[in-house]
């Protein structure tokens, strides 16, 4: 029985790696995924290890869409200190992101001058929820867990790859509390 359980565990882990949901590294889970950039190029999120990361699900036709401006301002202000915003378009809320990846990329570039990394459109809730968002909503510390509320839900990840804060969609990315939290995280020592 012990050998059967061991082999079953190996098969389950192997199946997860073959499915391509997470990298076979010791990277903390939030940065252990390979995602496709908005142009289709795969990118391992572990490349952001050691940085302060803000993950945000975005949409082009939402009342919160002007937050693109604040997100880009944060990125420009702090990127040289090791901060990055990662945008994940999703059409899961009232059909507010109906465009193709190419249309979304053009909208973000032309309308909001977005330069922070954008990724392909994914599902952030429901039966087709991407494993990254399954991790964020079910496997992080209790204070961070829970279903995605709406577009522009923000997650902060510290330099050690730990999800440390969840910020509501209504919270402006340039609010004093968000800026203060980012500055506090950036002041932490870079992991060796």
C-alpha atoms as a PDB file:
ATOM      1  CA  UNK A   1       0.000   0.000   0.000  1.00  0.00           C
ATOM      2  CA  UNK A   2       2.841   2.424   0.858  1.00  0.00           C
ATOM      3  CA  UNK A   3       4.457   1.889  -2.595  1.00  0.00           C
ATOM      4  CA  UNK A   4       1.105   2.352  -4.338  1.00  0.00           C
ATOM      5  CA  UNK A   5       0.532   5.656  -2.533  1.00  0.00           C
ATOM      6  CA  UNK A   6       4.063   6.827  -3.361  1.00  0.00           C
ATOM      7  CA  UNK A   7       3.682   6.015  -7.057  1.00  0.00           C
ATOM      8  CA  UNK A   8       0.251   7.641  -7.171  1.00  0.00           C
ATOM      9  CA  UNK A   9       1.770  10.814  -5.692  1.00  0.00           C
ATOM     10  CA  UNK A  10       4.563  10.772  -8.290  1.00  0.00           C
ATOM     11  CA  UNK A  11       2.039  10.347 -11.106  1.00  0.00           C
ATOM     12  CA  UNK A  12      -0.130  13.228  -9.868  1.00  0.00           C
ATOM     13  CA  UNK A  13       2.853  15.578  -9.541  1.00  0.00           C
ATOM     14  CA  UNK A  14       4.160  14.485 -12.941  1.00  0.00           C
ATOM     15  CA  UNK A  15       0.770  15.065 -14.552  1.00  0.00           C
ATOM     16  CA  UNK A  16       0.677  18.603 -13.152  1.00  0.00           C
ATOM     17  CA  UNK A  17       4.106  19.375 -14.590  1.00  0.00           C
ATOM     18  CA  UNK A  18       3.211  17.939 -17.993  1.00  0.00           C
ATOM     19  CA  UNK A  19       0.075  20.084 -18.026  1.00  0.00           C
ATOM     20  CA  UNK A  20       2.402  23.094 -17.805  1.00  0.00           C
ATOM     21  CA  UNK A  21       0.663  24.831 -14.936  1.00  0.00           C
ATOM     22  CA  UNK A  22       3.701  25.267 -12.726  1.00  0.00           C
ATOM     23  CA  UNK A  23       7.449  25.183 -13.122  1.00  0.00           C
ATOM     24  CA  UNK A  24       9.396  22.308 -11.579  1.00  0.00           C
ATOM     25  CA  UNK A  25      11.348  24.654  -9.303  1.00  0.00           C
ATOM     26  CA  UNK A  26      11.389  25.467  -5.635  1.00  0.00           C
ATOM     27  CA  UNK A  27       9.978  28.901  -6.493  1.00  0.00           C
ATOM     28  CA  UNK A  28       7.067  29.990  -4.294  1.00  0.00           C
ATOM     29  CA  UNK A  29       3.819  29.006  -5.985  1.00  0.00           C
ATOM     30  CA  UNK A  30       2.655  32.463  -7.082  1.00  0.00           C
ATOM     31  CA  UNK A  31       5.787  32.852  -9.219  1.00  0.00           C
ATOM     32  CA  UNK A  32       5.960  29.190 -10.172  1.00  0.00           C
ATOM     33  CA  UNK A  33       3.805  29.505 -13.288  1.00  0.00           C
ATOM     34  CA  UNK A  34       4.695  29.977 -16.914  1.00  0.00           C
ATOM     35  CA  UNK A  35       2.249  32.339 -18.585  1.00  0.00           C
ATOM     36  CA  UNK A  36       1.955  33.575 -22.150  1.00  0.00           C
ATOM     37  CA  UNK A  37       2.706  37.246 -22.717  1.00  0.00           C
ATOM     38  CA  UNK A  38       0.007  39.077 -24.665  1.00  0.00           C
ATOM     39  CA  UNK A  39       1.941  38.400 -27.896  1.00  0.00           C
ATOM     40  CA  UNK A  40       1.883  34.629 -27.165  1.00  0.00           C
ATOM     41  CA  UNK A  41       5.489  34.346 -25.960  1.00  0.00           C
ATOM     42  CA  UNK A  42       5.789  32.051 -22.909  1.00  0.00           C
ATOM     43  CA  UNK A  43       7.342  33.637 -19.840  1.00  0.00           C
ATOM     44  CA  UNK A  44       8.195  31.973 -16.541  1.00  0.00           C
ATOM     45  CA  UNK A  45       7.031  34.231 -13.712  1.00  0.00           C
ATOM     46  CA  UNK A  46      10.013  33.126 -11.624  1.00  0.00           C
ATOM     47  CA  UNK A  47      12.005  35.707 -13.572  1.00  0.00           C
ATOM     48  CA  UNK A  48      10.373  38.258 -11.234  1.00  0.00           C
ATOM     49  CA  UNK A  49      11.696  36.589  -8.074  1.00  0.00           C
ATOM     50  CA  UNK A  50      13.415  39.198  -5.919  1.00  0.00           C
ATOM     51  CA  UNK A  51      11.101  41.960  -7.139  1.00  0.00           C
ATOM     52  CA  UNK A  52       7.947  43.355  -5.575  1.00  0.00           C
ATOM     53  CA  UNK A  53       5.154  42.237  -7.907  1.00  0.00           C
ATOM     54  CA  UNK A  54       1.608  43.498  -8.327  1.00  0.00           C
ATOM     55  CA  UNK A  55      -0.641  41.007 -10.150  1.00  0.00           C
ATOM     56  CA  UNK A  56      -3.868  42.538 -11.453  1.00  0.00           C
ATOM     57  CA  UNK A  57      -6.735  41.257 -13.584  1.00  0.00           C
ATOM     58  CA  UNK A  58      -7.640  43.991 -16.043  1.00  0.00           C
ATOM     59  CA  UNK A  59     -10.400  44.872 -18.497  1.00  0.00           C
ATOM     60  CA  UNK A  60     -10.797  47.501 -21.219  1.00  0.00           C
ATOM     61  CA  UNK A  61     -14.476  48.407 -20.755  1.00  0.00           C
ATOM     62  CA  UNK A  62     -14.807  48.658 -16.994  1.00  0.00           C
ATOM     63  CA  UNK A  63     -15.497  51.625 -14.749  1.00  0.00           C
ATOM     64  CA  UNK A  64     -12.088  50.886 -13.196  1.00  0.00           C
ATOM     65  CA  UNK A  65     -10.250  50.877 -16.564  1.00  0.00           C
ATOM     66  CA  UNK A  66      -8.718  54.325 -15.826  1.00  0.00           C
ATOM     67  CA  UNK A  67      -6.665  52.504 -13.178  1.00  0.00           C
ATOM     68  CA  UNK A  68      -4.367  51.529 -16.072  1.00  0.00           C
ATOM     69  CA  UNK A  69      -2.971  55.047 -15.736  1.00  0.00           C
ATOM     70  CA  UNK A  70      -2.191  54.632 -12.032  1.00  0.00           C
ATOM     71  CA  UNK A  71      -0.731  51.154 -12.563  1.00  0.00           C
ATOM     72  CA  UNK A  72       1.573  52.497 -15.276  1.00  0.00           C
ATOM     73  CA  UNK A  73       2.593  55.424 -13.057  1.00  0.00           C
ATOM     74  CA  UNK A  74       3.495  53.000 -10.242  1.00  0.00           C
ATOM     75  CA  UNK A  75       5.476  50.865 -12.673  1.00  0.00           C
ATOM     76  CA  UNK A  76       7.381  53.860 -14.057  1.00  0.00           C
ATOM     77  CA  UNK A  77       8.035  55.302 -10.586  1.00  0.00           C
ATOM     78  CA  UNK A  78       9.324  52.108  -8.935  1.00  0.00           C
ATOM     79  CA  UNK A  79      10.557  49.726 -11.631  1.00  0.00           C
ATOM     80  CA  UNK A  80      14.197  50.795 -11.208  1.00  0.00           C
ATOM     81  CA  UNK A  81      13.878  49.825  -7.535  1.00  0.00           C
ATOM     82  CA  UNK A  82      12.574  46.339  -8.365  1.00  0.00           C
ATOM     83  CA  UNK A  83       8.800  46.762  -8.741  1.00  0.00           C
ATOM     84  CA  UNK A  84       6.715  45.335 -11.565  1.00  0.00           C
ATOM     85  CA  UNK A  85       3.022  45.261 -12.469  1.00  0.00           C
ATOM     86  CA  UNK A  86       1.780  42.156 -14.301  1.00  0.00           C
ATOM     87  CA  UNK A  87      -1.553  42.591 -16.121  1.00  0.00           C
ATOM     88  CA  UNK A  88      -3.892  39.666 -16.819  1.00  0.00           C
ATOM     89  CA  UNK A  89      -6.881  40.566 -19.021  1.00  0.00           C
ATOM     90  CA  UNK A  90     -10.084  38.691 -18.226  1.00  0.00           C
ATOM     91  CA  UNK A  91     -13.597  38.757 -19.663  1.00  0.00           C
ATOM     92  CA  UNK A  92     -15.149  37.166 -16.563  1.00  0.00           C
ATOM     93  CA  UNK A  93     -17.053  40.236 -15.358  1.00  0.00           C
ATOM     94  CA  UNK A  94     -19.997  41.492 -17.416  1.00  0.00           C
ATOM     95  CA  UNK A  95     -18.135  40.910 -20.708  1.00  0.00           C
ATOM     96  CA  UNK A  96     -15.923  43.941 -20.074  1.00  0.00           C
ATOM     97  CA  UNK A  97     -12.879  42.507 -21.892  1.00  0.00           C
ATOM     98  CA  UNK A  98     -14.301  41.138 -25.159  1.00  0.00           C
ATOM     99  CA  UNK A  99     -11.300  41.889 -27.403  1.00  0.00           C
ATOM    100  CA  UNK A 100      -8.611  39.620 -28.744  1.00  0.00           C
ATOM    101  CA  UNK A 101      -5.145  39.708 -27.229  1.00  0.00           C
ATOM    102  CA  UNK A 102      -3.959  41.885 -30.136  1.00  0.00           C
ATOM    103  CA  UNK A 103      -6.857  44.322 -29.634  1.00  0.00           C
ATOM    104  CA  UNK A 104      -6.207  44.496 -25.888  1.00  0.00           C
ATOM    105  CA  UNK A 105      -2.498  45.133 -26.452  1.00  0.00           C
ATOM    106  CA  UNK A 106      -3.248  47.954 -28.907  1.00  0.00           C
ATOM    107  CA  UNK A 107      -5.854  49.501 -26.581  1.00  0.00           C
ATOM    108  CA  UNK A 108      -3.436  49.459 -23.644  1.00  0.00           C
ATOM    109  CA  UNK A 109      -0.607  50.930 -25.701  1.00  0.00           C
ATOM    110  CA  UNK A 110      -2.611  53.570 -27.557  1.00  0.00           C
ATOM    111  CA  UNK A 111      -5.005  54.662 -24.806  1.00  0.00           C
ATOM    112  CA  UNK A 112      -2.995  54.276 -21.596  1.00  0.00           C
ATOM    113  CA  UNK A 113       0.643  54.037 -22.801  1.00  0.00           C
ATOM    114  CA  UNK A 114       1.012  50.769 -20.865  1.00  0.00           C
ATOM    115  CA  UNK A 115       4.581  49.476 -20.778  1.00  0.00           C
ATOM    116  CA  UNK A 116       4.281  47.049 -17.866  1.00  0.00           C
ATOM    117  CA  UNK A 117       4.107  43.351 -18.848  1.00  0.00           C
ATOM    118  CA  UNK A 118       0.716  42.243 -20.141  1.00  0.00           C
ATOM    119  CA  UNK A 119      -0.299  38.632 -20.552  1.00  0.00           C
ATOM    120  CA  UNK A 120      -2.863  36.732 -22.603  1.00  0.00           C
ATOM    121  CA  UNK A 121      -6.496  36.852 -21.605  1.00  0.00           C
ATOM    122  CA  UNK A 122      -7.345  34.205 -19.000  1.00  0.00           C
ATOM    123  CA  UNK A 123     -10.198  33.229 -16.699  1.00  0.00           C
ATOM    124  CA  UNK A 124      -9.741  34.444 -13.139  1.00  0.00           C
ATOM    125  CA  UNK A 125     -12.834  32.724 -11.739  1.00  0.00           C
ATOM    126  CA  UNK A 126     -15.298  29.972 -12.555  1.00  0.00           C
ATOM    127  CA  UNK A 127     -14.837  26.468 -13.932  1.00  0.00           C
ATOM    128  CA  UNK A 128     -12.074  27.562 -16.330  1.00  0.00           C
ATOM    129  CA  UNK A 129     -10.139  29.588 -13.738  1.00  0.00           C
ATOM    130  CA  UNK A 130      -6.441  29.631 -14.561  1.00  0.00           C
ATOM    131  CA  UNK A 131      -4.300  27.698 -12.024  1.00  0.00           C
ATOM    132  CA  UNK A 132      -2.453  30.915 -11.108  1.00  0.00           C
ATOM    133  CA  UNK A 133      -5.723  32.430  -9.945  1.00  0.00           C
ATOM    134  CA  UNK A 134      -6.800  29.190  -8.297  1.00  0.00           C
ATOM    135  CA  UNK A 135      -3.601  29.474  -6.271  1.00  0.00           C
ATOM    136  CA  UNK A 136      -4.172  33.158  -5.451  1.00  0.00           C
ATOM    137  CA  UNK A 137      -7.774  32.631  -4.345  1.00  0.00           C
ATOM    138  CA  UNK A 138      -7.519  29.303  -2.476  1.00  0.00           C
ATOM    139  CA  UNK A 139      -3.961  28.524  -1.407  1.00  0.00           C
ATOM    140  CA  UNK A 140      -2.536  31.773  -0.083  1.00  0.00           C
ATOM    141  CA  UNK A 141      -2.742  33.030   3.493  1.00  0.00           C
ATOM    142  CA  UNK A 142      -6.306  33.308   4.780  1.00  0.00           C
ATOM    143  CA  UNK A 143      -6.417  37.122   4.673  1.00  0.00           C
ATOM    144  CA  UNK A 144      -5.722  37.062   0.924  1.00  0.00           C
ATOM    145  CA  UNK A 145      -7.978  34.179  -0.144  1.00  0.00           C
ATOM    146  CA  UNK A 146     -11.405  34.426  -1.700  1.00  0.00           C
ATOM    147  CA  UNK A 147     -13.062  34.734  -5.076  1.00  0.00           C
ATOM    148  CA  UNK A 148     -11.973  37.584  -7.333  1.00  0.00           C
ATOM    149  CA  UNK A 149     -14.430  40.428  -6.709  1.00  0.00           C
ATOM    150  CA  UNK A 150     -14.237  42.234 -10.056  1.00  0.00           C
ATOM    151  CA  UNK A 151     -11.805  43.628 -12.609  1.00  0.00           C
ATOM    152  CA  UNK A 152      -8.690  45.310 -11.169  1.00  0.00           C
ATOM    153  CA  UNK A 153      -8.308  43.075  -8.105  1.00  0.00           C
ATOM    154  CA  UNK A 154      -4.674  43.535  -7.099  1.00  0.00           C
ATOM    155  CA  UNK A 155      -2.284  41.153  -5.323  1.00  0.00           C
ATOM    156  CA  UNK A 156       1.083  42.223  -3.908  1.00  0.00           C
ATOM    157  CA  UNK A 157       3.935  39.710  -3.799  1.00  0.00           C
ATOM    158  CA  UNK A 158       7.035  40.458  -1.747  1.00  0.00           C
ATOM    159  CA  UNK A 159      10.681  39.968  -2.774  1.00  0.00           C
ATOM    160  CA  UNK A 160      10.544  36.396  -1.425  1.00  0.00           C
ATOM    161  CA  UNK A 161       7.657  35.446  -3.706  1.00  0.00           C
ATOM    162  CA  UNK A 162       5.012  35.416  -0.970  1.00  0.00           C
ATOM    163  CA  UNK A 163       1.564  36.888  -1.602  1.00  0.00           C
ATOM    164  CA  UNK A 164       1.281  39.434   1.196  1.00  0.00           C
ATOM    165  CA  UNK A 165      -1.698  41.610   0.345  1.00  0.00           C
ATOM    166  CA  UNK A 166      -4.923  41.692  -1.640  1.00  0.00           C
ATOM    167  CA  UNK A 167      -6.186  45.123  -2.718  1.00  0.00           C
ATOM    168  CA  UNK A 168      -9.803  45.684  -3.710  1.00  0.00           C
ATOM    169  CA  UNK A 169     -10.775  46.707  -7.241  1.00  0.00           C
ATOM    170  CA  UNK A 170     -12.129  50.017  -5.920  1.00  0.00           C
ATOM    171  CA  UNK A 171      -8.785  50.992  -4.403  1.00  0.00           C
ATOM    172  CA  UNK A 172      -6.877  53.399  -6.613  1.00  0.00           C
ATOM    173  CA  UNK A 173      -3.374  52.056  -7.271  1.00  0.00           C
ATOM    174  CA  UNK A 174      -1.973  55.515  -6.442  1.00  0.00           C
ATOM    175  CA  UNK A 175      -3.722  55.714  -3.073  1.00  0.00           C
ATOM    176  CA  UNK A 176      -1.486  56.568  -0.132  1.00  0.00           C
ATOM    177  CA  UNK A 177      -1.992  53.146   1.472  1.00  0.00           C
ATOM    178  CA  UNK A 178      -0.968  51.259  -1.689  1.00  0.00           C
ATOM    179  CA  UNK A 179       2.060  53.485  -2.306  1.00  0.00           C
ATOM    180  CA  UNK A 180       3.141  53.165   1.333  1.00  0.00           C
ATOM    181  CA  UNK A 181       2.812  49.362   1.197  1.00  0.00           C
ATOM    182  CA  UNK A 182       4.865  49.149  -2.014  1.00  0.00           C
ATOM    183  CA  UNK A 183       7.577  51.376  -0.534  1.00  0.00           C
ATOM    184  CA  UNK A 184       7.687  49.220   2.612  1.00  0.00           C
ATOM    185  CA  UNK A 185       8.065  46.054   0.525  1.00  0.00           C
ATOM    186  CA  UNK A 186      10.758  47.658  -1.647  1.00  0.00           C
ATOM    187  CA  UNK A 187      12.705  48.600   1.492  1.00  0.00           C
ATOM    188  CA  UNK A 188      12.999  44.946   2.483  1.00  0.00           C
ATOM    189  CA  UNK A 189      16.368  43.370   1.697  1.00  0.00           C
ATOM    190  CA  UNK A 190      16.741  41.676  -1.646  1.00  0.00           C
ATOM    191  CA  UNK A 191      16.951  37.865  -1.166  1.00  0.00           C
ATOM    192  CA  UNK A 192      20.432  36.483  -1.714  1.00  0.00           C
END
